[in-house]
Amino acid sequence: MVAFEERSLFMSSLEEIKIVFSFSVCDQMEPPDEIVIAMYIRVKRSKATYFIQCDPTETILDIKQKLHVLIDQPVNDQRLILMGTGEVLEDSKTLADQKVENDAIVALTLRKDDNEFEDIDIVKPNDFYQSRDADGGSW
């Protein structure tokens, strides 16, 4: 049985960062059959960033189920896109199969009312901060 613990950190009023810790709940502590190296991926949508703890053997469907707990959107209405390549990640494949590495950035898009998926919408911090040169160097 796997349980999830969510903690939110507010870096500024512009972006909320959520960290999800998953851990196993069992009656007896037994040593694992194999050692699996944990990793994190950053799932971004609009102003939100979700840090998801996972391992390379988890499928994309597993990741979508973790997101379902956080955002209350059905897994069928979620699409994950690897930002480095623009590749849409397939539910049945593992993170390792699709070359998703530790600290990868993955965009989350949701299905709209017309049954199409929305475009990628990730707000970058520099979208909110004006450059020093824009106002003569004083701010």
C-alpha atoms as a PDB file:
ATOM      1  CA  MET A   1       0.000   0.000   0.000  1.00  0.00           C
ATOM      2  CA  VAL A   2       1.375   3.408  -0.910  1.00  0.00           C
ATOM      3  CA  ALA A   3       0.455   6.585   0.895  1.00  0.00           C
ATOM      4  CA  PHE A   4       1.129  10.150  -0.183  1.00  0.00           C
ATOM      5  CA  GLU A   5       2.049  13.159   1.875  1.00  0.00           C
ATOM      6  CA  GLU A   6       1.802  16.583   0.305  1.00  0.00           C
ATOM      7  CA  ARG A   7       3.585  19.699   1.466  1.00  0.00           C
ATOM      8  CA  SER A   8       3.187  23.083  -0.142  1.00  0.00           C
ATOM      9  CA  LEU A   9       5.863  25.730  -0.213  1.00  0.00           C
ATOM     10  CA  PHE A  10       5.147  29.242  -1.335  1.00  0.00           C
ATOM     11  CA  MET A  11       8.220  30.769  -2.944  1.00  0.00           C
ATOM     12  CA  SER A  12       6.375  33.963  -3.791  1.00  0.00           C
ATOM     13  CA  SER A  13       2.868  34.982  -4.649  1.00  0.00           C
ATOM     14  CA  LEU A  14       3.652  34.061  -8.255  1.00  0.00           C
ATOM     15  CA  GLU A  15       4.292  30.352  -8.034  1.00  0.00           C
ATOM     16  CA  GLU A  16       3.239  27.599  -5.692  1.00  0.00           C
ATOM     17  CA  ILE A  17       5.517  24.620  -5.362  1.00  0.00           C
ATOM     18  CA  LYS A  18       4.134  21.340  -4.122  1.00  0.00           C
ATOM     19  CA  ILE A  19       6.298  18.452  -3.055  1.00  0.00           C
ATOM     20  CA  VAL A  20       4.813  14.980  -2.944  1.00  0.00           C
ATOM     21  CA  PHE A  21       6.443  12.312  -0.861  1.00  0.00           C
ATOM     22  CA  SER A  22       5.349   8.757  -1.424  1.00  0.00           C
ATOM     23  CA  PHE A  23       6.114   6.046   1.044  1.00  0.00           C
ATOM     24  CA  SER A  24       5.095   2.457   1.568  1.00  0.00           C
ATOM     25  CA  VAL A  25       2.961   1.452   4.497  1.00  0.00           C
ATOM     26  CA  CYS A  26       3.409  -2.150   5.580  1.00  0.00           C
ATOM     27  CA  ASP A  27       2.830  -4.290   8.652  1.00  0.00           C
ATOM     28  CA  GLN A  28       6.385  -5.547   8.902  1.00  0.00           C
ATOM     29  CA  MET A  29       9.579  -3.934   7.868  1.00  0.00           C
ATOM     30  CA  GLU A  30      11.402  -6.254   5.502  1.00  0.00           C
ATOM     31  CA  PRO A  31      14.497  -5.477   3.509  1.00  0.00           C
ATOM     32  CA  PRO A  32      13.697  -4.696  -0.118  1.00  0.00           C
ATOM     33  CA  ASP A  33      14.333  -7.352  -2.756  1.00  0.00           C
ATOM     34  CA  GLU A  34      16.116  -4.799  -4.886  1.00  0.00           C
ATOM     35  CA  ILE A  35      17.322  -1.293  -4.327  1.00  0.00           C
ATOM     36  CA  VAL A  36      15.514   1.298  -6.415  1.00  0.00           C
ATOM     37  CA  ILE A  37      17.024   4.739  -6.683  1.00  0.00           C
ATOM     38  CA  ALA A  38      14.462   7.441  -6.012  1.00  0.00           C
ATOM     39  CA  MET A  39      14.280  10.458  -8.255  1.00  0.00           C
ATOM     40  CA  TYR A  40      12.199  13.588  -8.592  1.00  0.00           C
ATOM     41  CA  ILE A  41      10.497  15.113 -11.577  1.00  0.00           C
ATOM     42  CA  ARG A  42       9.047  18.609 -11.763  1.00  0.00           C
ATOM     43  CA  VAL A  43       5.548  18.663 -13.234  1.00  0.00           C
ATOM     44  CA  LYS A  44       4.552  22.189 -14.255  1.00  0.00           C
ATOM     45  CA  ARG A  45       1.267  23.742 -15.298  1.00  0.00           C
ATOM     46  CA  SER A  46       0.590  27.462 -15.347  1.00  0.00           C
ATOM     47  CA  LYS A  47       1.933  28.880 -12.059  1.00  0.00           C
ATOM     48  CA  ALA A  48       2.097  25.541 -10.197  1.00  0.00           C
ATOM     49  CA  THR A  49       5.046  23.178  -9.895  1.00  0.00           C
ATOM     50  CA  TYR A  50       4.602  19.705  -8.427  1.00  0.00           C
ATOM     51  CA  PHE A  51       7.734  17.874  -7.286  1.00  0.00           C
ATOM     52  CA  ILE A  52       6.939  14.188  -7.619  1.00  0.00           C
ATOM     53  CA  GLN A  53       9.115  11.544  -5.961  1.00  0.00           C
ATOM     54  CA  CYS A  54       9.294   8.480  -8.166  1.00  0.00           C
ATOM     55  CA  ASP A  55      11.626   5.819  -9.480  1.00  0.00           C
ATOM     56  CA  PRO A  56      12.677   5.033 -13.045  1.00  0.00           C
ATOM     57  CA  THR A  57      10.582   1.836 -13.147  1.00  0.00           C
ATOM     58  CA  GLU A  58       7.277   3.666 -12.575  1.00  0.00           C
ATOM     59  CA  THR A  59       5.001   4.101 -15.559  1.00  0.00           C
ATOM     60  CA  ILE A  60       3.574   7.396 -16.733  1.00  0.00           C
ATOM     61  CA  LEU A  61       0.184   6.104 -15.586  1.00  0.00           C
ATOM     62  CA  ASP A  62       1.646   5.768 -12.053  1.00  0.00           C
ATOM     63  CA  ILE A  63       2.750   9.406 -12.204  1.00  0.00           C
ATOM     64  CA  LYS A  64      -0.686  10.505 -13.435  1.00  0.00           C
ATOM     65  CA  GLN A  65      -2.289   8.658 -10.506  1.00  0.00           C
ATOM     66  CA  LYS A  66      -0.061  10.590  -8.094  1.00  0.00           C
ATOM     67  CA  LEU A  67      -1.108  13.810  -9.815  1.00  0.00           C
ATOM     68  CA  HIS A  68      -4.779  12.785  -9.590  1.00  0.00           C
ATOM     69  CA  VAL A  69      -4.440  12.804  -5.791  1.00  0.00           C
ATOM     70  CA  LEU A  70      -3.074  16.361  -5.939  1.00  0.00           C
ATOM     71  CA  ILE A  71      -5.153  18.044  -8.619  1.00  0.00           C
ATOM     72  CA  ASP A  72      -8.344  15.954  -8.672  1.00  0.00           C
ATOM     73  CA  GLN A  73      -8.262  15.491 -12.446  1.00  0.00           C
ATOM     74  CA  PRO A  74      -8.873  12.009 -13.921  1.00  0.00           C
ATOM     75  CA  VAL A  75      -5.784  10.358 -15.382  1.00  0.00           C
ATOM     76  CA  ASN A  76      -7.487  10.162 -18.809  1.00  0.00           C
ATOM     77  CA  ASP A  77      -7.774  13.954 -18.823  1.00  0.00           C
ATOM     78  CA  GLN A  78      -4.043  14.470 -18.176  1.00  0.00           C
ATOM     79  CA  ARG A  79      -1.258  14.612 -20.747  1.00  0.00           C
ATOM     80  CA  LEU A  80       2.412  14.786 -19.762  1.00  0.00           C
ATOM     81  CA  ILE A  81       5.025  16.208 -22.120  1.00  0.00           C
ATOM     82  CA  LEU A  82       8.781  15.992 -21.560  1.00  0.00           C
ATOM     83  CA  MET A  83       9.991  19.575 -21.914  1.00  0.00           C
ATOM     84  CA  GLY A  84      13.482  18.759 -23.183  1.00  0.00           C
ATOM     85  CA  THR A  85      12.166  16.914 -26.245  1.00  0.00           C
ATOM     86  CA  GLY A  86       8.504  17.911 -26.553  1.00  0.00           C
ATOM     87  CA  GLU A  87       7.617  14.201 -26.528  1.00  0.00           C
ATOM     88  CA  VAL A  88       4.169  13.202 -25.242  1.00  0.00           C
ATOM     89  CA  LEU A  89       4.792  10.543 -22.584  1.00  0.00           C
ATOM     90  CA  GLU A  90       2.923   7.254 -23.052  1.00  0.00           C
ATOM     91  CA  ASP A  91       0.956   5.805 -20.118  1.00  0.00           C
ATOM     92  CA  SER A  92       2.205   2.232 -20.488  1.00  0.00           C
ATOM     93  CA  LYS A  93       5.919   3.079 -20.664  1.00  0.00           C
ATOM     94  CA  THR A  94       8.229   3.637 -17.717  1.00  0.00           C
ATOM     95  CA  LEU A  95      10.135   6.810 -16.988  1.00  0.00           C
ATOM     96  CA  ALA A  96      13.355   4.978 -17.905  1.00  0.00           C
ATOM     97  CA  ASP A  97      11.869   3.741 -21.217  1.00  0.00           C
ATOM     98  CA  GLN A  98      11.160   7.341 -22.209  1.00  0.00           C
ATOM     99  CA  LYS A  99      14.479   8.689 -20.916  1.00  0.00           C
ATOM    100  CA  VAL A 100      12.942  10.843 -18.190  1.00  0.00           C
ATOM    101  CA  GLU A 101      15.821  11.619 -15.837  1.00  0.00           C
ATOM    102  CA  ASN A 102      16.110  12.956 -12.313  1.00  0.00           C
ATOM    103  CA  ASP A 103      14.955  16.585 -12.019  1.00  0.00           C
ATOM    104  CA  ALA A 104      13.338  16.511 -15.472  1.00  0.00           C
ATOM    105  CA  ILE A 105      10.716  19.133 -16.237  1.00  0.00           C
ATOM    106  CA  VAL A 106       7.427  17.694 -17.468  1.00  0.00           C
ATOM    107  CA  ALA A 107       4.543  19.854 -18.663  1.00  0.00           C
ATOM    108  CA  LEU A 108       1.013  18.916 -17.611  1.00  0.00           C
ATOM    109  CA  THR A 109      -1.868  19.719 -19.943  1.00  0.00           C
ATOM    110  CA  LEU A 110      -5.515  18.913 -19.291  1.00  0.00           C
ATOM    111  CA  ARG A 111      -8.362  17.913 -21.589  1.00  0.00           C
ATOM    112  CA  LYS A 112     -10.709  20.797 -22.413  1.00  0.00           C
ATOM    113  CA  ASP A 113     -14.493  20.690 -22.896  1.00  0.00           C
ATOM    114  CA  ASP A 114     -14.072  20.149 -26.647  1.00  0.00           C
ATOM    115  CA  ASN A 115     -12.133  16.921 -25.889  1.00  0.00           C
ATOM    116  CA  GLU A 116      -8.836  18.472 -27.072  1.00  0.00           C
ATOM    117  CA  PHE A 117      -5.869  19.041 -24.790  1.00  0.00           C
ATOM    118  CA  GLU A 118      -4.892  22.564 -23.829  1.00  0.00           C
ATOM    119  CA  ASP A 119      -1.617  24.065 -25.012  1.00  0.00           C
ATOM    120  CA  ILE A 120       1.395  24.044 -22.721  1.00  0.00           C
ATOM    121  CA  ASP A 121       1.110  26.995 -20.339  1.00  0.00           C
ATOM    122  CA  ILE A 122       4.051  27.341 -17.995  1.00  0.00           C
ATOM    123  CA  VAL A 123       4.585  30.734 -16.406  1.00  0.00           C
ATOM    124  CA  LYS A 124       8.265  31.569 -16.038  1.00  0.00           C
ATOM    125  CA  PRO A 125       9.414  33.873 -13.218  1.00  0.00           C
ATOM    126  CA  ASN A 126      10.930  36.328 -15.711  1.00  0.00           C
ATOM    127  CA  ASP A 127       7.439  36.817 -17.168  1.00  0.00           C
ATOM    128  CA  PHE A 128       6.665  38.832 -14.019  1.00  0.00           C
ATOM    129  CA  TYR A 129       9.888  40.710 -13.388  1.00  0.00           C
ATOM    130  CA  GLN A 130      10.796  43.633 -15.564  1.00  0.00           C
ATOM    131  CA  SER A 131      14.373  43.870 -16.681  1.00  0.00           C
ATOM    132  CA  ARG A 132      16.694  46.505 -15.245  1.00  0.00           C
ATOM    133  CA  ASP A 133      17.190  48.009 -18.678  1.00  0.00           C
ATOM    134  CA  ALA A 134      13.467  48.577 -19.235  1.00  0.00           C
ATOM    135  CA  ASP A 135      13.303  51.492 -16.802  1.00  0.00           C
ATOM    136  CA  GLY A 136      16.808  52.865 -17.043  1.00  0.00           C
ATOM    137  CA  GLY A 137      18.395  50.509 -14.510  1.00  0.00           C
ATOM    138  CA  SER A 138      16.567  51.548 -11.331  1.00  0.00           C
ATOM    139  CA  TRP A 139      13.986  49.424  -9.540  1.00  0.00           C
END
